[in-house]
Amino acid sequence: MKLLDLFTDFHGWVSDKDFIWWPFSFLRPAKHEPITMKLVLYMTLCFSGLGTLMFTAFAIVNNVFSASSMFQTLVLSFIAFFIWFTLVTRTFWNRRARSLALTQTKV
């Protein structure tokens, strides 16, 4: 239980940093609000789209761009961000949100 608390606290500390959410800080819920699956989908769309744009710019600059690699990058980054946001971000964020909600109701 202590190790899970340590991971939750560390994830919360990192997630509270503005640069983590850039340029989609409008998606970040308040610390006591849970992350829903709808929000996970919005986050996934935004961050995978940004990742694909960055990859595409890098590929164009290095003269290795192809439409198929861009599409592959979009699909793979969507899958990767969805898995990460569902299994890691949502899990630790919601664990902290429940803890904060309990603390607020006790006060």
N, C-alpha and C. Protein backbone atom coordinates (compact mmCIF):
# COMPACT_ATOMS: atom_id res chain seq x y z
N MET A 1 0.83 -1.21 0.00
CA MET A 1 0.00 0.00 0.00
C MET A 1 0.87 1.26 0.00
N LYS A 2 1.97 1.26 0.70
CA LYS A 2 2.84 2.43 0.77
C LYS A 2 3.46 2.75 -0.59
N LEU A 3 3.84 1.71 -1.34
CA LEU A 3 4.45 1.93 -2.65
C LEU A 3 3.43 2.56 -3.61
N LEU A 4 2.19 2.12 -3.54
CA LEU A 4 1.15 2.69 -4.38
C LEU A 4 0.91 4.16 -4.01
N ASP A 5 0.96 4.46 -2.72
CA ASP A 5 0.83 5.86 -2.28
C ASP A 5 1.99 6.70 -2.81
N LEU A 6 3.19 6.13 -2.81
CA LEU A 6 4.36 6.83 -3.32
C LEU A 6 4.21 7.13 -4.81
N PHE A 7 3.77 6.14 -5.59
CA PHE A 7 3.54 6.34 -7.02
C PHE A 7 2.44 7.37 -7.25
N THR A 8 1.38 7.30 -6.48
CA THR A 8 0.28 8.26 -6.62
C THR A 8 0.75 9.68 -6.33
N ASP A 9 1.51 9.84 -5.26
CA ASP A 9 2.02 11.17 -4.91
C ASP A 9 2.98 11.71 -5.97
N PHE A 10 3.87 10.84 -6.47
CA PHE A 10 4.80 11.28 -7.50
C PHE A 10 4.05 11.64 -8.78
N HIS A 11 3.10 10.81 -9.18
CA HIS A 11 2.32 11.11 -10.38
C HIS A 11 1.55 12.41 -10.21
N GLY A 12 0.98 12.63 -9.04
CA GLY A 12 0.27 13.88 -8.77
C GLY A 12 1.19 15.09 -8.87
N TRP A 13 2.39 14.95 -8.32
CA TRP A 13 3.37 16.04 -8.37
C TRP A 13 3.73 16.37 -9.81
N VAL A 14 3.98 15.34 -10.63
CA VAL A 14 4.32 15.56 -12.04
C VAL A 14 3.12 16.12 -12.80
N SER A 15 1.95 15.55 -12.56
CA SER A 15 0.74 15.96 -13.29
C SER A 15 0.32 17.40 -12.97
N ASP A 16 0.75 17.91 -11.85
CA ASP A 16 0.40 19.28 -11.47
C ASP A 16 1.24 20.32 -12.19
N LYS A 17 2.28 19.89 -12.89
CA LYS A 17 3.15 20.82 -13.61
C LYS A 17 2.47 21.26 -14.91
N ASP A 18 2.55 22.55 -15.19
CA ASP A 18 1.90 23.09 -16.38
C ASP A 18 2.48 22.54 -17.68
N PHE A 19 3.80 22.33 -17.72
CA PHE A 19 4.42 21.90 -18.97
C PHE A 19 3.94 20.52 -19.41
N ILE A 20 3.50 19.70 -18.49
CA ILE A 20 3.00 18.36 -18.83
C ILE A 20 1.75 18.47 -19.70
N TRP A 21 0.93 19.46 -19.43
CA TRP A 21 -0.35 19.61 -20.12
C TRP A 21 -0.28 20.50 -21.35
N TRP A 22 0.87 21.16 -21.58
CA TRP A 22 0.98 22.09 -22.70
C TRP A 22 0.77 21.35 -24.00
N PRO A 23 0.06 21.90 -24.93
CA PRO A 23 -0.71 23.15 -24.94
C PRO A 23 -2.18 22.92 -24.62
N PHE A 24 -2.46 21.84 -23.93
CA PHE A 24 -3.85 21.45 -23.66
C PHE A 24 -4.20 21.57 -22.18
N SER A 25 -3.74 22.63 -21.55
CA SER A 25 -4.00 22.81 -20.11
C SER A 25 -5.50 22.94 -19.81
N PHE A 26 -6.29 23.30 -20.81
CA PHE A 26 -7.73 23.39 -20.60
C PHE A 26 -8.36 22.02 -20.33
N LEU A 27 -7.64 20.96 -20.64
CA LEU A 27 -8.15 19.61 -20.39
C LEU A 27 -7.90 19.15 -18.95
N ARG A 28 -6.99 19.79 -18.26
CA ARG A 28 -6.63 19.35 -16.91
C ARG A 28 -7.76 19.65 -15.93
N PRO A 29 -8.28 18.60 -15.30
CA PRO A 29 -9.33 18.83 -14.30
C PRO A 29 -8.72 19.34 -12.99
N ALA A 30 -9.59 19.83 -12.12
CA ALA A 30 -9.12 20.21 -10.79
C ALA A 30 -8.62 18.96 -10.08
N LYS A 31 -7.74 19.15 -9.11
CA LYS A 31 -7.11 18.01 -8.44
C LYS A 31 -8.12 17.05 -7.82
N HIS A 32 -9.25 17.57 -7.37
CA HIS A 32 -10.23 16.72 -6.71
C HIS A 32 -11.26 16.12 -7.69
N GLU A 33 -11.17 16.50 -8.97
CA GLU A 33 -12.10 15.97 -9.98
C GLU A 33 -11.51 14.75 -10.66
N PRO A 34 -12.31 13.72 -10.83
CA PRO A 34 -11.79 12.51 -11.51
C PRO A 34 -11.65 12.72 -13.02
N ILE A 35 -10.80 11.92 -13.62
CA ILE A 35 -10.67 11.90 -15.07
C ILE A 35 -11.62 10.84 -15.60
N THR A 36 -12.54 11.24 -16.44
CA THR A 36 -13.51 10.33 -17.03
C THR A 36 -12.96 9.73 -18.32
N MET A 37 -13.61 8.69 -18.81
CA MET A 37 -13.19 8.10 -20.08
C MET A 37 -13.39 9.09 -21.23
N LYS A 38 -14.40 9.94 -21.13
CA LYS A 38 -14.61 10.97 -22.15
C LYS A 38 -13.40 11.91 -22.20
N LEU A 39 -12.92 12.30 -21.03
CA LEU A 39 -11.74 13.16 -20.97
C LEU A 39 -10.51 12.42 -21.47
N VAL A 40 -10.38 11.13 -21.16
CA VAL A 40 -9.26 10.34 -21.68
C VAL A 40 -9.27 10.37 -23.21
N LEU A 41 -10.43 10.26 -23.82
CA LEU A 41 -10.52 10.30 -25.28
C LEU A 41 -10.11 11.67 -25.83
N TYR A 42 -10.57 12.73 -25.19
CA TYR A 42 -10.16 14.09 -25.61
C TYR A 42 -8.65 14.27 -25.48
N MET A 43 -8.11 13.83 -24.35
CA MET A 43 -6.67 13.95 -24.13
C MET A 43 -5.91 13.14 -25.18
N THR A 44 -6.39 11.94 -25.46
CA THR A 44 -5.74 11.08 -26.44
C THR A 44 -5.75 11.72 -27.82
N LEU A 45 -6.89 12.24 -28.23
CA LEU A 45 -6.98 12.90 -29.53
C LEU A 45 -6.02 14.09 -29.63
N CYS A 46 -6.02 14.92 -28.61
CA CYS A 46 -5.18 16.12 -28.64
C CYS A 46 -3.69 15.77 -28.62
N PHE A 47 -3.27 14.93 -27.70
CA PHE A 47 -1.85 14.64 -27.57
C PHE A 47 -1.33 13.76 -28.71
N SER A 48 -2.14 12.83 -29.20
CA SER A 48 -1.67 12.03 -30.34
C SER A 48 -1.63 12.88 -31.61
N GLY A 49 -2.56 13.81 -31.75
CA GLY A 49 -2.52 14.73 -32.89
C GLY A 49 -1.28 15.61 -32.85
N LEU A 50 -0.96 16.14 -31.67
CA LEU A 50 0.25 16.96 -31.53
C LEU A 50 1.50 16.13 -31.79
N GLY A 51 1.54 14.92 -31.26
CA GLY A 51 2.68 14.05 -31.50
C GLY A 51 2.88 13.76 -32.98
N THR A 52 1.78 13.52 -33.67
CA THR A 52 1.85 13.25 -35.10
C THR A 52 2.34 14.48 -35.87
N LEU A 53 1.85 15.66 -35.49
CA LEU A 53 2.33 16.89 -36.13
C LEU A 53 3.83 17.09 -35.91
N MET A 54 4.28 16.84 -34.71
CA MET A 54 5.71 17.00 -34.42
C MET A 54 6.53 15.98 -35.21
N PHE A 55 6.06 14.74 -35.26
CA PHE A 55 6.75 13.72 -36.04
C PHE A 55 6.79 14.10 -37.52
N THR A 56 5.68 14.58 -38.02
CA THR A 56 5.61 14.96 -39.43
C THR A 56 6.58 16.09 -39.74
N ALA A 57 6.62 17.10 -38.87
CA ALA A 57 7.57 18.21 -39.07
C ALA A 57 9.01 17.69 -39.06
N PHE A 58 9.32 16.82 -38.12
CA PHE A 58 10.66 16.23 -38.04
C PHE A 58 10.98 15.43 -39.31
N ALA A 59 10.00 14.67 -39.80
CA ALA A 59 10.21 13.85 -41.00
C ALA A 59 10.42 14.73 -42.23
N ILE A 60 9.65 15.81 -42.33
CA ILE A 60 9.79 16.72 -43.47
C ILE A 60 11.16 17.39 -43.45
N VAL A 61 11.57 17.87 -42.29
CA VAL A 61 12.88 18.53 -42.16
C VAL A 61 14.01 17.58 -42.54
N ASN A 62 13.85 16.31 -42.20
CA ASN A 62 14.90 15.32 -42.48
C ASN A 62 14.68 14.59 -43.81
N ASN A 63 13.71 15.06 -44.60
CA ASN A 63 13.44 14.53 -45.93
C ASN A 63 13.14 13.02 -45.93
N VAL A 64 12.39 12.57 -44.92
CA VAL A 64 12.00 11.16 -44.84
C VAL A 64 10.47 11.02 -44.68
N PHE A 65 9.75 12.06 -45.04
CA PHE A 65 8.30 12.04 -44.87
C PHE A 65 7.63 11.11 -45.87
N SER A 66 6.63 10.38 -45.37
CA SER A 66 5.73 9.64 -46.25
C SER A 66 4.36 9.63 -45.58
N ALA A 67 3.33 9.62 -46.39
CA ALA A 67 1.96 9.63 -45.86
C ALA A 67 1.68 8.38 -45.04
N SER A 68 2.23 7.25 -45.48
CA SER A 68 1.98 6.02 -44.74
C SER A 68 2.63 6.05 -43.35
N SER A 69 3.84 6.63 -43.25
CA SER A 69 4.47 6.71 -41.93
C SER A 69 3.74 7.70 -41.04
N MET A 70 3.19 8.76 -41.63
CA MET A 70 2.41 9.71 -40.84
C MET A 70 1.16 9.03 -40.30
N PHE A 71 0.48 8.26 -41.14
CA PHE A 71 -0.72 7.56 -40.70
C PHE A 71 -0.38 6.53 -39.62
N GLN A 72 0.70 5.80 -39.82
CA GLN A 72 1.15 4.83 -38.82
C GLN A 72 1.44 5.51 -37.49
N THR A 73 2.11 6.64 -37.56
CA THR A 73 2.42 7.39 -36.35
C THR A 73 1.16 7.84 -35.64
N LEU A 74 0.19 8.32 -36.39
CA LEU A 74 -1.08 8.74 -35.80
C LEU A 74 -1.76 7.59 -35.09
N VAL A 75 -1.86 6.46 -35.74
CA VAL A 75 -2.54 5.29 -35.15
C VAL A 75 -1.79 4.79 -33.92
N LEU A 76 -0.47 4.62 -34.06
CA LEU A 76 0.31 4.10 -32.94
C LEU A 76 0.36 5.07 -31.76
N SER A 77 0.46 6.37 -32.05
CA SER A 77 0.47 7.32 -30.94
C SER A 77 -0.90 7.40 -30.27
N PHE A 78 -1.98 7.26 -31.05
CA PHE A 78 -3.31 7.23 -30.45
C PHE A 78 -3.42 6.04 -29.49
N ILE A 79 -3.00 4.88 -29.96
CA ILE A 79 -3.07 3.67 -29.12
C ILE A 79 -2.21 3.84 -27.86
N ALA A 80 -0.98 4.33 -28.05
CA ALA A 80 -0.06 4.48 -26.91
C ALA A 80 -0.59 5.49 -25.90
N PHE A 81 -1.05 6.66 -26.37
CA PHE A 81 -1.58 7.66 -25.44
C PHE A 81 -2.85 7.14 -24.75
N PHE A 82 -3.70 6.45 -25.48
CA PHE A 82 -4.92 5.92 -24.88
C PHE A 82 -4.58 4.94 -23.76
N ILE A 83 -3.66 4.05 -24.02
CA ILE A 83 -3.26 3.07 -22.99
C ILE A 83 -2.65 3.79 -21.79
N TRP A 84 -1.72 4.72 -22.05
CA TRP A 84 -1.08 5.45 -20.96
C TRP A 84 -2.10 6.24 -20.14
N PHE A 85 -2.94 7.02 -20.82
CA PHE A 85 -3.91 7.84 -20.09
C PHE A 85 -4.93 6.99 -19.33
N THR A 86 -5.29 5.83 -19.87
CA THR A 86 -6.26 4.97 -19.20
C THR A 86 -5.64 4.24 -18.02
N LEU A 87 -4.50 3.62 -18.24
CA LEU A 87 -3.92 2.77 -17.20
C LEU A 87 -3.11 3.53 -16.16
N VAL A 88 -2.43 4.58 -16.56
CA VAL A 88 -1.55 5.29 -15.63
C VAL A 88 -2.18 6.60 -15.15
N THR A 89 -2.37 7.53 -16.07
CA THR A 89 -2.83 8.86 -15.68
C THR A 89 -4.18 8.81 -14.97
N ARG A 90 -5.14 8.15 -15.59
CA ARG A 90 -6.49 8.10 -14.99
C ARG A 90 -6.48 7.37 -13.65
N THR A 91 -5.74 6.27 -13.58
CA THR A 91 -5.70 5.49 -12.35
C THR A 91 -5.13 6.29 -11.19
N PHE A 92 -3.95 6.88 -11.38
CA PHE A 92 -3.33 7.63 -10.28
C PHE A 92 -4.05 8.95 -10.00
N TRP A 93 -4.50 9.62 -11.05
CA TRP A 93 -5.22 10.89 -10.85
C TRP A 93 -6.50 10.65 -10.05
N ASN A 94 -7.26 9.64 -10.44
CA ASN A 94 -8.53 9.37 -9.77
C ASN A 94 -8.32 8.87 -8.34
N ARG A 95 -7.25 8.15 -8.12
CA ARG A 95 -6.93 7.70 -6.76
C ARG A 95 -6.69 8.92 -5.86
N ARG A 96 -5.92 9.88 -6.39
CA ARG A 96 -5.68 11.11 -5.63
C ARG A 96 -6.96 11.92 -5.48
N ALA A 97 -7.76 12.00 -6.53
CA ALA A 97 -9.01 12.76 -6.47
C ALA A 97 -9.95 12.20 -5.40
N ARG A 98 -10.05 10.88 -5.32
CA ARG A 98 -10.89 10.26 -4.27
C ARG A 98 -10.35 10.60 -2.89
N SER A 99 -9.04 10.56 -2.74
CA SER A 99 -8.42 10.88 -1.46
C SER A 99 -8.68 12.33 -1.08
N LEU A 100 -8.54 13.23 -2.03
CA LEU A 100 -8.80 14.65 -1.76
C LEU A 100 -10.27 14.92 -1.46
N ALA A 101 -11.16 14.21 -2.16
CA ALA A 101 -12.59 14.37 -1.91
C ALA A 101 -12.94 13.90 -0.50
N LEU A 102 -12.33 12.81 -0.05
CA LEU A 102 -12.56 12.33 1.30
C LEU A 102 -12.04 13.31 2.33
N THR A 103 -10.89 13.90 2.05
CA THR A 103 -10.29 14.88 2.97
C THR A 103 -11.18 16.11 3.06
N GLN A 104 -11.74 16.56 1.95
CA GLN A 104 -12.59 17.75 1.94
C GLN A 104 -13.89 17.52 2.69
N THR A 105 -14.45 16.31 2.60
CA THR A 105 -15.72 16.04 3.29
C THR A 105 -15.52 15.87 4.79
N LYS A 106 -14.32 15.48 5.21
CA LYS A 106 -14.04 15.32 6.64
C LYS A 106 -13.82 16.66 7.31
N VAL A 107 -13.41 17.66 6.54
CA VAL A 107 -13.11 18.98 7.13
C VAL A 107 -14.34 19.77 7.37
